[in-house]
Amino acid sequence: MGTGKRGLLTAAVTVVCAVTVLGAPGTAFASPSPTPSPSASSTTPPLPSTASNKDLEAVRTKLEALYHDAAVATDAYNAAEEAAKKQSAEIVELAKKIVAGQEKLDDLKDRAGAAARAQYRTGGLPDEAQLMLTDDPSEFLDGAGRALQGQRATKGLIGELARTQQDLEQYSKDASTQWQKLEAGRKTKAAAQKRIEKQIAAAEKLESRLEKKEKERLEQLEAQVALEAQTAWLDTGVLDEINSAASVQGKKAVQFATAQIGKPYVWGAEGPDSFDCSGLTSEAWRGAGQAIPRTSQEQWKQLPHIAVEDMRPGDLIIYFDDASHVALYVGDGAIIHAPRPGRTVTLAGAGSMPILGVVRPDA
């Protein structure tokens, strides 16, 4: 094996190993590292020793904003994770092509060398010149055919050599491009992780300032706000229009989601023991035999949109103007979703949050 070939093989193996390390679970981004508590800021509402309803409403609003921002960052983290998986796979495939291409190039060069050595042994005369020196007509005609074949073979060999070299150059450029994208995605992922941890830490610090009874009252307030939103949504009469039956795949997705009720929300998680919102919906539909985008924003962008009054169990409801939350509609005005850190997968009212729209994975 030549020095050039060994170098290329080493480079290809290095690429594959590096990609494996970057994508392996348990490395830099497998789980959030302990986060230092953020310093107190002027945006944190002050709490007296006994919080009034007004104080608790301010806390609820602040927590909602913090967790919403964490959800947006989680979507960015998940998107970077998905892109990294795709880019890593492409780099591995390109590395394999580089190795195979180098082996082909070496073989072509060996064949070209053999042809050159054969020509040297015949005195350096091309086949056409040797033909002109023969006196045997039959030998001349036979030799003319071989010469023509030789010319074509030589021309084809040269052309294949050039194409193989061009392919190798393109594979190298493509691998470099994917590597740059992978590195940019790593930075995006790291920034999103830092933002998620900061927002969650701020929310946890705010909640830690509440007494046990105040925490109970806060949960009651959150439930009351959700109930009022659900009631207002139902009062529009929308449920009277929603009567479509679930598809076979939709039923399977609902069954999967139902089985996850009670499991904790963990950002970036997609089962089997914990989920974030889009991790739950994407895995529910994977279990139903339908692959869909990983993030709520991509689910909103890529999946067919359905009118709210036409939705059926199994459809996905996208929430908030920035598509930062998603839930699985299960019928009768209800959803199953993974709400936020500190909560578990649960059943809730479909109208308990601002609805952006509905998408159907199996449209």
Protein backbone atom coordinates (compact mmCIF):
# COMPACT_ATOMS: atom_id res chain seq x y z
CA MET A 1 0.00 0.00 0.00
CA GLY A 2 1.45 3.36 -1.04
CA THR A 3 2.17 6.24 1.30
CA GLY A 4 -0.58 8.34 -0.30
CA LYS A 5 -3.12 5.59 0.16
CA ARG A 6 -2.16 5.03 3.80
CA GLY A 7 -2.52 8.75 4.41
CA LEU A 8 -5.99 8.86 2.90
CA LEU A 9 -7.12 5.77 4.81
CA THR A 10 -5.83 7.27 8.05
CA ALA A 11 -7.61 10.53 7.34
CA ALA A 12 -10.86 8.73 6.56
CA VAL A 13 -10.68 6.62 9.73
CA THR A 14 -9.89 9.75 11.76
CA VAL A 15 -12.98 11.45 10.34
CA VAL A 16 -15.18 8.46 11.20
CA CYS A 17 -13.78 8.23 14.74
CA ALA A 18 -14.19 11.95 15.34
CA VAL A 19 -17.78 11.83 14.13
CA THR A 20 -18.45 8.84 16.38
CA VAL A 21 -17.10 10.72 19.40
CA LEU A 22 -19.15 13.80 18.58
CA GLY A 23 -22.35 11.83 18.15
CA ALA A 24 -21.88 9.29 20.94
CA PRO A 25 -24.21 9.35 23.92
CA GLY A 26 -22.56 10.24 27.17
CA THR A 27 -20.29 12.88 25.64
CA ALA A 28 -20.44 16.66 25.81
CA PHE A 29 -24.15 17.00 25.20
CA ALA A 30 -25.59 13.79 26.58
CA SER A 31 -27.10 15.52 29.60
CA PRO A 32 -27.01 18.99 31.09
CA SER A 33 -24.17 19.62 33.49
CA PRO A 34 -24.84 21.20 36.89
CA THR A 35 -25.76 24.82 36.37
CA PRO A 36 -24.64 27.60 38.71
CA SER A 37 -27.52 29.59 40.09
CA PRO A 38 -27.92 32.82 38.15
CA SER A 39 -27.49 36.05 40.02
CA ALA A 40 -30.59 37.89 41.12
CA SER A 41 -31.89 40.30 38.52
CA SER A 42 -34.35 43.12 38.45
CA THR A 43 -36.69 41.00 36.30
CA THR A 44 -37.45 38.63 39.20
CA PRO A 45 -40.63 39.80 40.94
CA PRO A 46 -40.13 40.38 44.67
CA LEU A 47 -42.00 38.07 47.03
CA PRO A 48 -43.16 39.05 50.50
CA SER A 49 -43.12 36.42 53.24
CA THR A 50 -46.78 35.68 52.52
CA ALA A 51 -47.53 36.09 48.84
CA SER A 52 -50.84 37.59 47.79
CA ASN A 53 -52.80 36.43 44.75
CA LYS A 54 -51.36 39.37 42.85
CA ASP A 55 -47.82 38.34 43.85
CA LEU A 56 -48.48 34.75 42.80
CA GLU A 57 -49.87 35.90 39.46
CA ALA A 58 -46.65 37.86 38.88
CA VAL A 59 -44.66 34.73 39.72
CA ARG A 60 -46.84 32.60 37.41
CA THR A 61 -46.36 35.07 34.55
CA LYS A 62 -42.62 35.17 35.10
CA LEU A 63 -42.36 31.37 35.28
CA GLU A 64 -44.40 31.07 32.10
CA ALA A 65 -41.99 33.42 30.32
CA LEU A 66 -38.90 31.59 31.62
CA TYR A 67 -40.19 28.16 30.65
CA HIS A 68 -41.37 29.42 27.28
CA ASP A 69 -37.91 30.77 26.53
CA ALA A 70 -36.44 27.43 27.64
CA ALA A 71 -38.84 25.65 25.27
CA VAL A 72 -37.69 27.81 22.34
CA ALA A 73 -34.07 27.04 23.20
CA THR A 74 -34.92 23.33 23.51
CA ASP A 75 -36.29 23.38 19.96
CA ALA A 76 -33.01 24.95 18.79
CA TYR A 77 -31.04 22.30 20.71
CA ASN A 78 -33.11 19.46 19.24
CA ALA A 79 -32.77 20.88 15.72
CA ALA A 80 -28.98 21.09 16.10
CA GLU A 81 -28.94 17.51 17.43
CA GLU A 82 -30.91 16.22 14.43
CA ALA A 83 -28.70 18.13 11.99
CA ALA A 84 -25.57 16.74 13.67
CA LYS A 85 -26.84 13.17 13.27
CA LYS A 86 -27.49 13.75 9.57
CA GLN A 87 -24.16 15.50 8.95
CA SER A 88 -22.24 12.84 10.86
CA ALA A 89 -23.82 10.11 8.76
CA GLU A 90 -22.97 12.00 5.56
CA ILE A 91 -19.34 12.45 6.65
CA VAL A 92 -19.05 8.73 7.36
CA GLU A 93 -20.46 7.89 3.92
CA LEU A 94 -18.10 10.37 2.26
CA ALA A 95 -15.16 8.85 4.14
CA LYS A 96 -16.13 5.43 2.78
CA LYS A 97 -16.32 6.87 -0.75
CA ILE A 98 -12.89 8.45 -0.35
CA VAL A 99 -11.36 5.12 0.69
CA ALA A 100 -13.10 3.24 -2.17
CA GLY A 101 -12.15 5.97 -4.63
CA GLN A 102 -8.51 5.86 -3.60
CA GLU A 103 -8.45 2.08 -4.02
CA LYS A 104 -9.95 2.44 -7.50
CA LEU A 105 -7.44 5.14 -8.39
CA ASP A 106 -4.54 2.94 -7.25
CA ASP A 107 -5.87 0.07 -9.40
CA LEU A 108 -6.19 2.32 -12.44
CA LYS A 109 -2.66 3.59 -11.95
CA ASP A 110 -1.39 -0.01 -11.73
CA ARG A 111 -3.13 -0.81 -15.01
CA ALA A 112 -1.70 2.29 -16.66
CA GLY A 113 1.77 1.32 -15.42
CA ALA A 114 1.38 -2.18 -16.81
CA ALA A 115 0.46 -0.74 -20.21
CA ALA A 116 3.50 1.52 -20.14
CA ARG A 117 5.80 -1.38 -19.25
CA ALA A 118 4.37 -3.48 -22.09
CA GLN A 119 5.06 -0.68 -24.53
CA TYR A 120 8.64 -0.43 -23.26
CA ARG A 121 9.19 -4.16 -23.81
CA THR A 122 8.17 -3.78 -27.48
CA GLY A 123 10.84 -1.18 -28.01
CA GLY A 124 8.67 1.79 -27.28
CA LEU A 125 6.88 1.43 -30.64
CA PRO A 126 3.15 1.92 -30.60
CA ASP A 127 0.98 -0.94 -31.95
CA GLU A 128 0.25 1.00 -35.16
CA ALA A 129 3.97 1.26 -36.02
CA GLN A 130 4.56 -2.43 -35.36
CA LEU A 131 1.65 -3.29 -37.66
CA MET A 132 3.21 -1.41 -40.56
CA LEU A 133 6.36 -3.58 -40.28
CA THR A 134 4.59 -6.96 -40.77
CA ASP A 135 4.41 -8.70 -44.19
CA ASP A 136 1.56 -11.08 -43.30
CA PRO A 137 -1.85 -9.65 -44.42
CA SER A 138 -3.85 -11.80 -41.98
CA GLU A 139 -1.55 -10.82 -39.14
CA PHE A 140 -1.91 -7.19 -40.19
CA LEU A 141 -5.73 -7.34 -40.11
CA ASP A 142 -5.76 -9.19 -36.80
CA GLY A 143 -3.26 -6.75 -35.36
CA ALA A 144 -5.26 -3.77 -36.64
CA GLY A 145 -8.26 -4.94 -34.60
CA ARG A 146 -6.16 -5.36 -31.50
CA ALA A 147 -4.59 -1.96 -32.02
CA LEU A 148 -8.00 -0.32 -32.29
CA GLN A 149 -9.13 -2.06 -29.11
CA GLY A 150 -5.92 -1.00 -27.39
CA GLN A 151 -6.45 2.63 -28.40
CA ARG A 152 -9.98 2.57 -27.03
CA ALA A 153 -8.88 0.85 -23.82
CA THR A 154 -6.07 3.37 -23.29
CA LYS A 155 -8.39 6.30 -23.94
CA GLY A 156 -10.99 4.81 -21.58
CA LEU A 157 -8.36 4.21 -18.90
CA ILE A 158 -7.15 7.80 -19.05
CA GLY A 159 -10.72 9.09 -18.91
CA GLU A 160 -11.55 6.89 -15.92
CA LEU A 161 -8.42 8.04 -14.12
CA ALA A 162 -9.42 11.68 -14.61
CA ARG A 163 -13.02 11.07 -13.47
CA THR A 164 -11.89 9.17 -10.37
CA GLN A 165 -9.52 11.97 -9.40
CA GLN A 166 -12.32 14.52 -9.85
CA ASP A 167 -14.66 12.41 -7.72
CA LEU A 168 -12.07 12.21 -4.94
CA GLU A 169 -11.60 15.97 -4.99
CA GLN A 170 -15.38 16.50 -4.79
CA TYR A 171 -15.76 13.99 -1.94
CA SER A 172 -13.05 15.82 -0.01
CA LYS A 173 -14.75 19.20 -0.57
CA ASP A 174 -18.14 17.78 0.48
CA ALA A 175 -16.64 16.23 3.62
CA SER A 176 -15.00 19.55 4.51
CA THR A 177 -18.32 21.37 4.05
CA GLN A 178 -20.19 18.88 6.22
CA TRP A 179 -17.49 19.08 8.87
CA GLN A 180 -17.83 22.87 8.98
CA LYS A 181 -21.61 22.52 9.33
CA LEU A 182 -21.13 20.00 12.11
CA GLU A 183 -18.84 22.38 13.98
CA ALA A 184 -21.28 25.28 13.53
CA GLY A 185 -24.10 23.05 14.78
CA ARG A 186 -22.03 22.09 17.82
CA LYS A 187 -21.72 25.77 18.74
CA THR A 188 -25.46 26.33 18.21
CA LYS A 189 -26.22 23.32 20.37
CA ALA A 190 -23.88 24.49 23.13
CA ALA A 191 -25.42 27.98 23.11
CA ALA A 192 -28.94 26.52 23.27
CA GLN A 193 -27.96 24.24 26.15
CA LYS A 194 -26.53 27.18 28.08
CA ARG A 195 -29.70 29.20 27.51
CA ILE A 196 -31.96 26.31 28.55
CA GLU A 197 -30.06 25.73 31.76
CA LYS A 198 -30.04 29.44 32.58
CA GLN A 199 -33.81 29.80 32.15
CA ILE A 200 -34.63 26.64 34.07
CA ALA A 201 -32.25 27.59 36.89
CA ALA A 202 -33.89 31.02 37.13
CA ALA A 203 -37.35 29.43 37.24
CA GLU A 204 -36.31 26.93 39.91
CA LYS A 205 -34.75 29.71 41.99
CA LEU A 206 -37.94 31.73 41.77
CA GLU A 207 -40.08 28.75 42.78
CA SER A 208 -37.72 27.89 45.65
CA ARG A 209 -38.61 31.21 47.30
CA LEU A 210 -42.20 30.05 47.75
CA GLU A 211 -43.45 28.37 50.88
CA LYS A 212 -45.12 24.95 50.53
CA LYS A 213 -48.62 26.43 50.76
CA GLU A 214 -47.72 29.11 48.24
CA LYS A 215 -46.50 26.47 45.81
CA GLU A 216 -49.81 24.67 46.18
CA ARG A 217 -51.68 27.92 45.53
CA LEU A 218 -49.45 28.57 42.51
CA GLU A 219 -50.35 25.17 41.05
CA GLN A 220 -54.02 25.92 41.67
CA LEU A 221 -53.61 29.28 39.94
CA GLU A 222 -51.94 27.63 36.94
CA ALA A 223 -54.78 25.08 36.76
CA GLN A 224 -57.36 27.86 37.01
CA VAL A 225 -55.79 29.85 34.17
CA ALA A 226 -55.66 26.70 32.00
CA LEU A 227 -59.30 25.87 32.82
CA GLU A 228 -60.47 29.38 31.95
CA ALA A 229 -58.67 29.20 28.60
CA GLN A 230 -60.14 25.74 27.88
CA THR A 231 -63.63 26.90 28.83
CA ALA A 232 -63.36 29.95 26.57
CA TRP A 233 -62.20 27.71 23.71
CA LEU A 234 -65.08 25.27 24.21
CA ASP A 235 -67.57 28.14 24.48
CA THR A 236 -66.84 29.00 20.86
CA GLY A 237 -68.65 25.79 19.91
CA VAL A 238 -65.57 24.41 18.19
CA LEU A 239 -66.06 20.96 19.67
CA ASP A 240 -69.41 20.66 17.92
CA GLU A 241 -67.54 20.77 14.61
CA ILE A 242 -64.84 18.29 15.59
CA ASN A 243 -66.17 14.81 14.96
CA SER A 244 -63.64 13.07 12.71
CA ALA A 245 -62.58 9.55 13.65
CA ALA A 246 -58.92 8.70 14.13
CA SER A 247 -57.00 6.92 11.41
CA VAL A 248 -55.42 3.53 12.13
CA GLN A 249 -52.03 5.20 12.59
CA GLY A 250 -53.59 8.01 14.63
CA LYS A 251 -55.05 5.47 17.06
CA LYS A 252 -51.61 3.88 17.49
CA ALA A 253 -50.05 7.31 18.15
CA VAL A 254 -52.71 8.05 20.80
CA GLN A 255 -52.14 4.65 22.42
CA PHE A 256 -48.40 5.29 22.58
CA ALA A 257 -48.85 8.77 24.11
CA THR A 258 -51.40 7.49 26.64
CA ALA A 259 -48.91 4.89 27.85
CA GLN A 260 -46.39 7.65 28.62
CA ILE A 261 -48.65 9.58 31.01
CA GLY A 262 -46.85 10.22 34.31
CA LYS A 263 -43.32 10.16 32.85
CA PRO A 264 -41.24 13.28 33.58
CA TYR A 265 -40.51 16.12 31.19
CA VAL A 266 -36.78 16.35 30.44
CA TRP A 267 -35.60 18.77 27.76
CA GLY A 268 -34.03 17.06 24.78
CA ALA A 269 -35.50 13.68 25.78
CA GLU A 270 -37.37 11.38 23.42
CA GLY A 271 -38.01 8.38 25.65
CA PRO A 272 -38.33 5.80 26.79
CA ASP A 273 -38.29 7.09 30.37
CA SER A 274 -38.75 10.85 29.82
CA PHE A 275 -39.80 13.24 27.07
CA ASP A 276 -39.91 16.85 26.01
CA CYS A 277 -42.97 18.03 24.07
CA SER A 278 -41.81 17.23 20.54
CA GLY A 279 -39.91 14.17 21.71
CA LEU A 280 -43.27 12.76 22.83
CA THR A 281 -45.12 13.56 19.60
CA SER A 282 -42.33 12.39 17.28
CA GLU A 283 -41.94 9.11 19.18
CA ALA A 284 -45.71 8.58 19.30
CA TRP A 285 -45.85 8.76 15.53
CA ARG A 286 -42.68 6.71 15.14
CA GLY A 287 -44.47 4.05 17.18
CA ALA A 288 -47.36 4.35 14.72
CA GLY A 289 -44.98 3.70 11.82
CA GLN A 290 -44.65 7.28 10.58
CA ALA A 291 -41.41 9.26 10.84
CA ILE A 292 -41.98 12.99 11.40
CA PRO A 293 -39.65 15.96 12.15
CA ARG A 294 -38.15 16.03 15.65
CA THR A 295 -38.97 19.61 16.68
CA SER A 296 -42.31 21.38 17.09
CA GLN A 297 -41.21 24.17 14.74
CA GLU A 298 -40.27 21.71 11.99
CA GLN A 299 -43.45 19.74 12.57
CA TRP A 300 -45.35 22.98 11.96
CA LYS A 301 -43.29 23.82 8.87
CA GLN A 302 -43.21 20.44 7.18
CA LEU A 303 -46.43 18.60 8.02
CA PRO A 304 -49.76 19.29 6.23
CA HIS A 305 -51.92 21.90 7.99
CA ILE A 306 -55.47 20.99 8.99
CA ALA A 307 -58.32 23.30 10.07
CA VAL A 308 -59.01 23.05 13.80
CA GLU A 309 -62.61 22.01 13.17
CA ASP A 310 -61.37 19.14 10.96
CA MET A 311 -58.84 17.68 13.38
CA ARG A 312 -59.04 14.10 14.53
CA PRO A 313 -57.34 12.08 17.29
CA GLY A 314 -53.65 11.65 16.49
CA ASP A 315 -53.27 15.09 14.90
CA LEU A 316 -50.74 17.45 16.44
CA ILE A 317 -51.75 20.83 17.86
CA ILE A 318 -49.01 23.46 17.64
CA TYR A 319 -49.05 26.20 20.26
CA PHE A 320 -47.85 29.82 20.53
CA ASP A 321 -46.90 32.15 17.69
CA ASP A 322 -43.37 30.74 17.50
CA ALA A 323 -44.52 27.08 17.37
CA SER A 324 -42.56 26.38 20.56
CA HIS A 325 -44.92 23.74 21.96
CA VAL A 326 -46.78 20.74 20.54
CA ALA A 327 -49.30 18.22 21.85
CA LEU A 328 -51.13 15.16 20.55
CA TYR A 329 -54.90 15.58 20.18
CA VAL A 330 -56.72 12.58 21.67
CA GLY A 331 -60.36 13.58 21.12
CA ASP A 332 -63.16 15.17 23.15
CA GLY A 333 -61.27 18.47 23.35
CA ALA A 334 -58.29 16.92 25.13
CA ILE A 335 -54.56 16.58 24.48
CA ILE A 336 -51.65 14.59 25.87
CA HIS A 337 -48.44 16.57 26.17
CA ALA A 338 -45.18 16.99 28.06
CA PRO A 339 -45.70 20.49 29.56
CA ARG A 340 -42.39 21.75 30.98
CA PRO A 341 -39.56 20.97 33.43
CA GLY A 342 -40.91 19.91 36.80
CA ARG A 343 -44.05 18.43 35.25
CA THR A 344 -44.98 15.03 33.82
CA VAL A 345 -46.66 13.85 30.61
CA THR A 346 -50.30 14.57 31.24
CA LEU A 347 -53.82 14.94 29.87
CA ALA A 348 -54.97 18.54 29.41
CA GLY A 349 -57.49 20.69 27.59
CA ALA A 350 -56.68 21.35 23.94
CA GLY A 351 -57.60 25.01 24.37
CA SER A 352 -55.60 25.58 27.55
CA MET A 353 -52.83 27.32 25.55
CA PRO A 354 -52.91 29.65 22.55
CA ILE A 355 -53.35 27.45 19.45
CA LEU A 356 -51.27 28.30 16.38
CA GLY A 357 -52.66 25.51 14.24
CA VAL A 358 -53.03 21.80 13.62
CA VAL A 359 -50.90 19.43 11.52
CA ARG A 360 -51.55 15.87 10.38
CA PRO A 361 -48.63 13.44 10.10
CA ASP A 362 -50.53 10.89 8.01
CA ALA A 363 -52.45 13.25 5.72
